[in-house]
C-alpha atoms as a PDB file:
ATOM      1  CA  MET A   1      76.384  -8.457 127.366  1.00  0.00           C
ATOM      2  CA  ASP A   2      75.544  -8.588 123.663  1.00  0.00           C
ATOM      3  CA  TYR A   3      72.109  -7.027 123.982  1.00  0.00           C
ATOM      4  CA  ASN A   4      70.508  -3.727 124.903  1.00  0.00           C
ATOM      5  CA  LEU A   5      69.554  -3.615 128.587  1.00  0.00           C
ATOM      6  CA  ILE A   6      66.837  -1.393 130.026  1.00  0.00           C
ATOM      7  CA  ILE A   7      66.416  -1.214 133.815  1.00  0.00           C
ATOM      8  CA  ASN A   8      63.227   0.334 135.145  1.00  0.00           C
ATOM      9  CA  ARG A   9      62.954   1.186 138.816  1.00  0.00           C
ATOM     10  CA  LYS A  10      59.428   0.687 140.145  1.00  0.00           C
ATOM     11  CA  LYS A  11      57.553   0.241 143.407  1.00  0.00           C
ATOM     12  CA  ILE A  12      57.464  -3.558 143.198  1.00  0.00           C
ATOM     13  CA  LYS A  13      58.738  -6.347 145.431  1.00  0.00           C
ATOM     14  CA  ASN A  14      60.158  -8.799 142.876  1.00  0.00           C
ATOM     15  CA  VAL A  15      62.553  -8.494 139.941  1.00  0.00           C
ATOM     16  CA  TYR A  16      61.008  -9.146 136.535  1.00  0.00           C
ATOM     17  CA  ILE A  17      62.948  -9.844 133.318  1.00  0.00           C
ATOM     18  CA  ARG A  18      61.470  -9.894 129.838  1.00  0.00           C
ATOM     19  CA  VAL A  19      62.619  -9.534 126.228  1.00  0.00           C
ATOM     20  CA  ASP A  20      60.506  -7.094 124.221  1.00  0.00           C
ATOM     21  CA  ASP A  21      59.650  -7.308 120.509  1.00  0.00           C
ATOM     22  CA  ASN A  22      62.550  -5.011 119.607  1.00  0.00           C
ATOM     23  CA  GLY A  23      65.141  -7.298 121.193  1.00  0.00           C
ATOM     24  CA  ASN A  24      65.640  -5.224 124.331  1.00  0.00           C
ATOM     25  CA  VAL A  25      66.125  -7.006 127.655  1.00  0.00           C
ATOM     26  CA  VAL A  26      63.905  -5.151 130.116  1.00  0.00           C
ATOM     27  CA  VAL A  27      64.336  -5.457 133.875  1.00  0.00           C
ATOM     28  CA  ASN A  28      61.758  -4.069 136.293  1.00  0.00           C
ATOM     29  CA  ALA A  29      63.025  -3.856 139.866  1.00  0.00           C
ATOM     30  CA  ASN A  30      62.657  -1.900 143.094  1.00  0.00           C
ATOM     31  CA  LYS A  31      65.076   1.025 143.487  1.00  0.00           C
ATOM     32  CA  ARG A  32      66.570  -0.697 146.534  1.00  0.00           C
ATOM     33  CA  VAL A  33      67.739  -3.684 144.474  1.00  0.00           C
ATOM     34  CA  LYS A  34      71.461  -3.316 143.802  1.00  0.00           C
ATOM     35  CA  ASP A  35      72.792  -3.363 140.249  1.00  0.00           C
ATOM     36  CA  LYS A  36      75.117  -6.255 141.116  1.00  0.00           C
ATOM     37  CA  TYR A  37      72.138  -8.402 142.067  1.00  0.00           C
ATOM     38  CA  ILE A  38      70.463  -7.586 138.737  1.00  0.00           C
ATOM     39  CA  TYR A  39      73.564  -8.398 136.682  1.00  0.00           C
ATOM     40  CA  ASP A  40      74.120 -11.655 138.569  1.00  0.00           C
ATOM     41  CA  LEU A  41      70.501 -12.596 137.874  1.00  0.00           C
ATOM     42  CA  LEU A  42      70.907 -11.751 134.189  1.00  0.00           C
ATOM     43  CA  ASN A  43      73.941 -14.025 133.987  1.00  0.00           C
ATOM     44  CA  GLU A  44      71.936 -16.857 135.535  1.00  0.00           C
ATOM     45  CA  LYS A  45      69.154 -16.306 133.010  1.00  0.00           C
ATOM     46  CA  ASP A  46      71.475 -15.855 130.029  1.00  0.00           C
ATOM     47  CA  ASP A  47      70.494 -19.114 128.248  1.00  0.00           C
ATOM     48  CA  TRP A  48      66.828 -18.180 128.426  1.00  0.00           C
ATOM     49  CA  ILE A  49      67.553 -14.625 127.282  1.00  0.00           C
ATOM     50  CA  GLN A  50      69.588 -15.817 124.293  1.00  0.00           C
ATOM     51  CA  LYS A  51      66.807 -18.197 123.219  1.00  0.00           C
ATOM     52  CA  ARG A  52      64.258 -15.385 123.412  1.00  0.00           C
ATOM     53  CA  LEU A  53      66.535 -13.033 121.439  1.00  0.00           C
ATOM     54  CA  LYS A  54      67.057 -15.699 118.761  1.00  0.00           C
ATOM     55  CA  ALA A  55      63.305 -16.301 118.487  1.00  0.00           C
ATOM     56  CA  ILE A  56      62.627 -12.573 118.091  1.00  0.00           C
ATOM     57  CA  ASN A  57      65.393 -12.238 115.521  1.00  0.00           C
ATOM     58  CA  ASN A  58      63.947 -15.157 113.523  1.00  0.00           C
ATOM     59  CA  LYS A  59      60.502 -13.570 113.558  1.00  0.00           C
ATOM     60  CA  SER A  60      62.058 -10.328 112.345  1.00  0.00           C
ATOM     61  CA  GLU A  61      63.732 -12.183 109.450  1.00  0.00           C
ATOM     62  CA  VAL A  62      60.455 -13.868 108.549  1.00  0.00           C
ATOM     63  CA  HIS A  63      58.768 -10.487 108.440  1.00  0.00           C
ATOM     64  CA  ASP A  64      61.660  -9.266 106.293  1.00  0.00           C
ATOM     65  CA  ILE A  65      61.076 -11.807 103.472  1.00  0.00           C
ATOM     66  CA  ASN A  66      57.309 -11.315 103.353  1.00  0.00           C
ATOM     67  CA  GLY A  67      56.700  -9.128 100.317  1.00  0.00           C
ATOM     68  CA  ARG A  68      60.249  -9.552  99.013  1.00  0.00           C
ATOM     69  CA  LYS A  69      60.887 -11.004  95.563  1.00  0.00           C
ATOM     70  CA  ILE A  70      62.177 -14.460  94.731  1.00  0.00           C
ATOM     71  CA  SER A  71      63.545 -15.463  91.324  1.00  0.00           C
ATOM     72  CA  VAL A  72      62.559 -18.808  89.786  1.00  0.00           C
ATOM     73  CA  PHE A  73      64.003 -19.607  86.346  1.00  0.00           C
ATOM     74  CA  GLY A  74      64.559 -15.890  85.795  1.00  0.00           C
ATOM     75  CA  ARG A  75      60.992 -14.890  86.630  1.00  0.00           C
ATOM     76  CA  LYS A  76      60.350 -12.795  89.728  1.00  0.00           C
ATOM     77  CA  TYR A  77      57.596 -13.642  92.216  1.00  0.00           C
ATOM     78  CA  ILE A  78      56.423 -11.783  95.325  1.00  0.00           C
ATOM     79  CA  ILE A  79      56.707 -13.878  98.496  1.00  0.00           C
ATOM     80  CA  LYS A  80      53.584 -14.217 100.624  1.00  0.00           C
ATOM     81  CA  VAL A  81      54.182 -15.941 103.967  1.00  0.00           C
ATOM     82  CA  ILE A  82      50.950 -17.444 105.272  1.00  0.00           C
ATOM     83  CA  LYS A  83      50.649 -19.145 108.660  1.00  0.00           C
ATOM     84  CA  ASP A  84      49.192 -22.620 108.192  1.00  0.00           C
ATOM     85  CA  LYS A  85      49.018 -26.032 109.871  1.00  0.00           C
ATOM     86  CA  LYS A  86      50.831 -27.648 106.932  1.00  0.00           C
ATOM     87  CA  ASN A  87      53.902 -26.690 104.924  1.00  0.00           C
ATOM     88  CA  LYS A  88      53.168 -26.018 101.269  1.00  0.00           C
ATOM     89  CA  ILE A  89      54.461 -23.788  98.486  1.00  0.00           C
ATOM     90  CA  GLU A  90      52.492 -22.670  95.449  1.00  0.00           C
ATOM     91  CA  LEU A  91      53.386 -20.487  92.469  1.00  0.00           C
ATOM     92  CA  LYS A  92      50.350 -18.561  91.262  1.00  0.00           C
ATOM     93  CA  GLU A  93      50.603 -15.765  88.726  1.00  0.00           C
ATOM     94  CA  ASN A  94      53.151 -13.345  90.222  1.00  0.00           C
ATOM     95  CA  TYR A  95      53.130 -14.757  93.767  1.00  0.00           C
ATOM     96  CA  PHE A  96      55.203 -17.298  95.654  1.00  0.00           C
ATOM     97  CA  PHE A  97      52.817 -18.501  98.368  1.00  0.00           C
ATOM     98  CA  LEU A  98      54.633 -19.987 101.350  1.00  0.00           C
ATOM     99  CA  TYR A  99      52.167 -21.754 103.640  1.00  0.00           C
ATOM    100  CA  THR A 100      54.033 -22.790 106.762  1.00  0.00           C
ATOM    101  CA  LYS A 101      53.672 -23.834 110.377  1.00  0.00           C
ATOM    102  CA  TYR A 102      57.191 -22.584 111.112  1.00  0.00           C
ATOM    103  CA  ASP A 103      58.020 -19.372 112.920  1.00  0.00           C
ATOM    104  CA  ASP A 104      61.782 -19.371 112.351  1.00  0.00           C
ATOM    105  CA  MET A 105      63.680 -18.338 109.254  1.00  0.00           C
ATOM    106  CA  GLU A 106      66.038 -21.331 109.259  1.00  0.00           C
ATOM    107  CA  SER A 107      63.158 -23.805 108.873  1.00  0.00           C
ATOM    108  CA  MET A 108      61.543 -21.677 106.178  1.00  0.00           C
ATOM    109  CA  VAL A 109      64.786 -21.526 104.180  1.00  0.00           C
ATOM    110  CA  LYS A 110      65.028 -25.337 104.331  1.00  0.00           C
ATOM    111  CA  LEU A 111      61.429 -25.600 103.139  1.00  0.00           C
ATOM    112  CA  ILE A 112      62.046 -23.204 100.235  1.00  0.00           C
ATOM    113  CA  ASN A 113      65.292 -24.950  99.252  1.00  0.00           C
ATOM    114  CA  LYS A 114      63.549 -28.356  99.272  1.00  0.00           C
ATOM    115  CA  TYR A 115      60.748 -27.064  97.065  1.00  0.00           C
ATOM    116  CA  LEU A 116      63.123 -25.369  94.615  1.00  0.00           C
ATOM    117  CA  LYS A 117      65.362 -28.449  94.415  1.00  0.00           C
ATOM    118  CA  GLU A 118      62.399 -30.678  93.517  1.00  0.00           C
ATOM    119  CA  LEU A 119      61.186 -28.123  90.974  1.00  0.00           C
ATOM    120  CA  PHE A 120      64.674 -27.838  89.466  1.00  0.00           C
ATOM    121  CA  LEU A 121      65.119 -31.615  89.134  1.00  0.00           C
ATOM    122  CA  ASP A 122      61.658 -31.973  87.631  1.00  0.00           C
ATOM    123  CA  ASN A 123      62.367 -29.360  84.957  1.00  0.00           C
ATOM    124  CA  LEU A 124      65.829 -30.759  84.280  1.00  0.00           C
ATOM    125  CA  ASN A 125      64.528 -34.285  83.750  1.00  0.00           C
ATOM    126  CA  CYS A 126      61.405 -33.265  81.835  1.00  0.00           C
ATOM    127  CA  TYR A 127      62.877 -31.003  79.200  1.00  0.00           C
ATOM    128  CA  ILE A 128      66.117 -29.074  79.941  1.00  0.00           C
ATOM    129  CA  ILE A 129      68.388 -32.116  79.636  1.00  0.00           C
ATOM    130  CA  LYS A 130      66.493 -33.351  76.579  1.00  0.00           C
ATOM    131  CA  GLU A 131      66.989 -30.003  74.834  1.00  0.00           C
ATOM    132  CA  CYS A 132      70.705 -30.046  75.609  1.00  0.00           C
ATOM    133  CA  MET A 133      71.131 -33.647  74.463  1.00  0.00           C
ATOM    134  CA  LYS A 134      69.666 -32.768  71.043  1.00  0.00           C
ATOM    135  CA  GLU A 135      72.548 -30.314  70.568  1.00  0.00           C
ATOM    136  CA  VAL A 136      75.403 -32.386  72.002  1.00  0.00           C
ATOM    137  CA  LYS A 137      74.570 -35.271  69.662  1.00  0.00           C
ATOM    138  CA  ASN A 138      76.049 -33.042  66.946  1.00  0.00           C
ATOM    139  CA  ILE A 139      79.443 -33.282  68.656  1.00  0.00           C
ATOM    140  CA  GLY A 140      79.242 -37.025  69.242  1.00  0.00           C
ATOM    141  CA  ILE A 141      77.935 -37.152  72.824  1.00  0.00           C
ATOM    142  CA  GLU A 142      74.994 -39.484  73.358  1.00  0.00           C
ATOM    143  CA  ASP A 143      75.911 -40.867  76.771  1.00  0.00           C
ATOM    144  CA  ASP A 144      73.350 -40.949  79.535  1.00  0.00           C
ATOM    145  CA  PHE A 145      74.378 -39.501  82.890  1.00  0.00           C
ATOM    146  CA  ASN A 146      72.977 -39.071  86.375  1.00  0.00           C
ATOM    147  CA  ILE A 147      71.869 -35.607  87.430  1.00  0.00           C
ATOM    148  CA  LYS A 148      72.125 -34.176  90.935  1.00  0.00           C
ATOM    149  CA  VAL A 149      71.341 -30.788  92.445  1.00  0.00           C
ATOM    150  CA  ARG A 150      72.751 -29.255  95.604  1.00  0.00           C
ATOM    151  CA  LEU A 151      73.508 -25.815  96.967  1.00  0.00           C
ATOM    152  CA  MET A 152      77.168 -24.842  96.495  1.00  0.00           C
ATOM    153  CA  LYS A 153      78.983 -21.713  97.642  1.00  0.00           C
ATOM    154  CA  SER A 154      81.200 -21.159  94.606  1.00  0.00           C
ATOM    155  CA  ARG A 155      80.849 -23.817  91.881  1.00  0.00           C
ATOM    156  CA  PHE A 156      78.129 -23.673  89.252  1.00  0.00           C
ATOM    157  CA  GLY A 157      78.428 -27.336  88.379  1.00  0.00           C
ATOM    158  CA  SER A 158      80.700 -30.379  88.278  1.00  0.00           C
ATOM    159  CA  TYR A 159      81.105 -33.686  86.440  1.00  0.00           C
ATOM    160  CA  SER A 160      82.300 -36.945  87.988  1.00  0.00           C
ATOM    161  CA  LYS A 161      83.681 -39.495  85.541  1.00  0.00           C
ATOM    162  CA  LYS A 162      83.755 -42.131  88.285  1.00  0.00           C
ATOM    163  CA  THR A 163      80.002 -41.968  88.913  1.00  0.00           C
ATOM    164  CA  ASN A 164      79.107 -40.537  85.483  1.00  0.00           C
ATOM    165  CA  SER A 165      77.094 -37.842  87.206  1.00  0.00           C
ATOM    166  CA  ILE A 166      76.602 -34.121  86.747  1.00  0.00           C
ATOM    167  CA  CYS A 167      75.852 -31.933  89.754  1.00  0.00           C
ATOM    168  CA  LEU A 168      74.362 -28.469  89.294  1.00  0.00           C
ATOM    169  CA  ASN A 169      74.232 -25.698  91.843  1.00  0.00           C
ATOM    170  CA  LEU A 170      70.700 -25.181  93.170  1.00  0.00           C
ATOM    171  CA  ALA A 171      71.349 -21.427  93.061  1.00  0.00           C
ATOM    172  CA  LEU A 172      71.176 -21.613  89.245  1.00  0.00           C
ATOM    173  CA  MET A 173      67.387 -21.762  89.741  1.00  0.00           C
ATOM    174  CA  LYS A 174      67.427 -17.949  89.939  1.00  0.00           C
ATOM    175  CA  TYR A 175      68.526 -17.549  86.345  1.00  0.00           C
ATOM    176  CA  ASP A 176      67.030 -17.896  82.887  1.00  0.00           C
ATOM    177  CA  ILE A 177      66.846 -21.343  81.318  1.00  0.00           C
ATOM    178  CA  GLU A 178      69.496 -20.451  78.711  1.00  0.00           C
ATOM    179  CA  ILE A 179      72.001 -19.624  81.458  1.00  0.00           C
ATOM    180  CA  ILE A 180      71.251 -22.927  83.210  1.00  0.00           C
ATOM    181  CA  LYS A 181      71.691 -24.758  79.911  1.00  0.00           C
ATOM    182  CA  SER A 182      75.086 -23.117  79.395  1.00  0.00           C
ATOM    183  CA  VAL A 183      76.343 -24.621  82.669  1.00  0.00           C
ATOM    184  CA  LEU A 184      74.837 -27.986  81.768  1.00  0.00           C
ATOM    185  CA  TYR A 185      76.502 -27.875  78.332  1.00  0.00           C
ATOM    186  CA  HIS A 186      79.817 -27.178  80.074  1.00  0.00           C
ATOM    187  CA  GLU A 187      79.504 -30.272  82.262  1.00  0.00           C
ATOM    188  CA  ILE A 188      78.204 -32.504  79.456  1.00  0.00           C
ATOM    189  CA  CYS A 189      81.241 -31.597  77.343  1.00  0.00           C
ATOM    190  CA  HIS A 190      83.426 -32.976  80.123  1.00  0.00           C
ATOM    191  CA  ILE A 191      82.046 -36.403  79.265  1.00  0.00           C
ATOM    192  CA  LYS A 192      84.120 -36.244  76.081  1.00  0.00           C
ATOM    193  CA  GLN A 193      86.934 -33.930  77.208  1.00  0.00           C
ATOM    194  CA  MET A 194      87.787 -33.797  80.921  1.00  0.00           C
ATOM    195  CA  ASN A 195      90.352 -30.992  80.911  1.00  0.00           C
ATOM    196  CA  HIS A 196      89.746 -27.356  80.000  1.00  0.00           C
ATOM    197  CA  GLN A 197      91.936 -27.512  76.947  1.00  0.00           C
ATOM    198  CA  LYS A 198      91.416 -26.000  73.502  1.00  0.00           C
ATOM    199  CA  ARG A 199      89.490 -29.066  72.309  1.00  0.00           C
ATOM    200  CA  PHE A 200      87.056 -28.740  75.236  1.00  0.00           C
ATOM    201  CA  TYR A 201      86.118 -25.156  74.397  1.00  0.00           C
ATOM    202  CA  GLU A 202      85.806 -26.020  70.697  1.00  0.00           C
ATOM    203  CA  LEU A 203      83.135 -28.553  71.637  1.00  0.00           C
ATOM    204  CA  LEU A 204      81.467 -26.211  74.116  1.00  0.00           C
ATOM    205  CA  TYR A 205      81.155 -23.268  71.725  1.00  0.00           C
ATOM    206  CA  LYS A 206      79.671 -25.498  69.044  1.00  0.00           C
ATOM    207  CA  VAL A 207      76.709 -26.353  71.259  1.00  0.00           C
ATOM    208  CA  CYS A 208      76.584 -23.053  73.171  1.00  0.00           C
ATOM    209  CA  PRO A 209      77.901 -20.151  71.050  1.00  0.00           C
ATOM    210  CA  ASN A 210      76.969 -17.598  73.765  1.00  0.00           C
ATOM    211  CA  TYR A 211      78.721 -19.495  76.554  1.00  0.00           C
ATOM    212  CA  LYS A 212      81.234 -16.733  77.333  1.00  0.00           C
ATOM    213  CA  GLU A 213      78.440 -14.152  77.683  1.00  0.00           C
ATOM    214  CA  TYR A 214      76.471 -16.399  80.065  1.00  0.00           C
ATOM    215  CA  SER A 215      79.570 -17.362  82.023  1.00  0.00           C
ATOM    216  CA  ASN A 216      80.605 -13.742  82.544  1.00  0.00           C
ATOM    217  CA  TYR A 217      77.075 -12.871  83.626  1.00  0.00           C
ATOM    218  CA  LEU A 218      77.125 -15.595  86.288  1.00  0.00           C
ATOM    219  CA  LYS A 219      80.537 -14.527  87.542  1.00  0.00           C
ATOM    220  CA  ARG A 220      79.357 -10.927  87.897  1.00  0.00           C
ATOM    221  CA  ASN A 221      76.005 -11.670  89.492  1.00  0.00           C
ATOM    222  CA  PHE A 222      76.388 -14.833  91.539  1.00  0.00           C
ATOM    223  CA  ASN A 223      76.418 -14.159  95.276  1.00  0.00           C
ATOM    224  CA  TYR A 224      75.969 -17.031  97.695  1.00  0.00           C
ATOM    225  CA  SER A 225      74.016 -16.480 100.914  1.00  0.00           C
ATOM    226  CA  ASN A 226      71.596 -18.459 103.067  1.00  0.00           C
ATOM    227  CA  LYS A 227      68.722 -16.571 101.415  1.00  0.00           C
ATOM    228  CA  TRP A 228      70.273 -16.858  97.940  1.00  0.00           C
ATOM    229  CA  PHE A 229      66.841 -16.990  96.242  1.00  0.00           C
ATOM    230  CA  LEU A 230      65.942 -13.385  97.106  1.00  0.00           C
ATOM    231  CA  VAL A 231      66.376 -10.646  94.521  1.00  0.00           C
END
């Protein structure tokens, strides 16, 4: 059994099984009930027990993120989880308000990722890409491209010549705009030079002189996890 079992012997007729808030499986039974009978009953109820343990663990994780800090474009916000009939996220002053009807951490992570992805794409399309394109015009790149965002375990970004699209890692949302721009510059330079040869880095350092500093920072600090947004 992969859980902590507590058996209480009481003056009762029936056997009662419950999972307490600490994740203990508690059995109340008469002292005449044999241990074998209890263990056989626990095996029969294992699916129910595992569901209850998972639910309690999820609630514990939810409690764990409440009051923790989340980083958005390099700025830190305090997470406030608020039970609500609708799912909504708001950034106000120093707080990241998460209004949610969910009780489990998995659903909340999906909600946060969806919000951050939309926010990332909005900022990319509204001004980050435009700022980068002003610089890359100086090295002869004026091509339009498609932009995508998804969560990746190890890559910061990628460029596809076939689809003429750049994909950025959603986890870059944690970092300052200049660091995000350095990754975007890297991928835009691939439009003109696909391989990481000397000519590629000559182009890259012209538009992003501090690229090596930003790249080393990402390599030192990037750590993928399901709750990647926490700091």
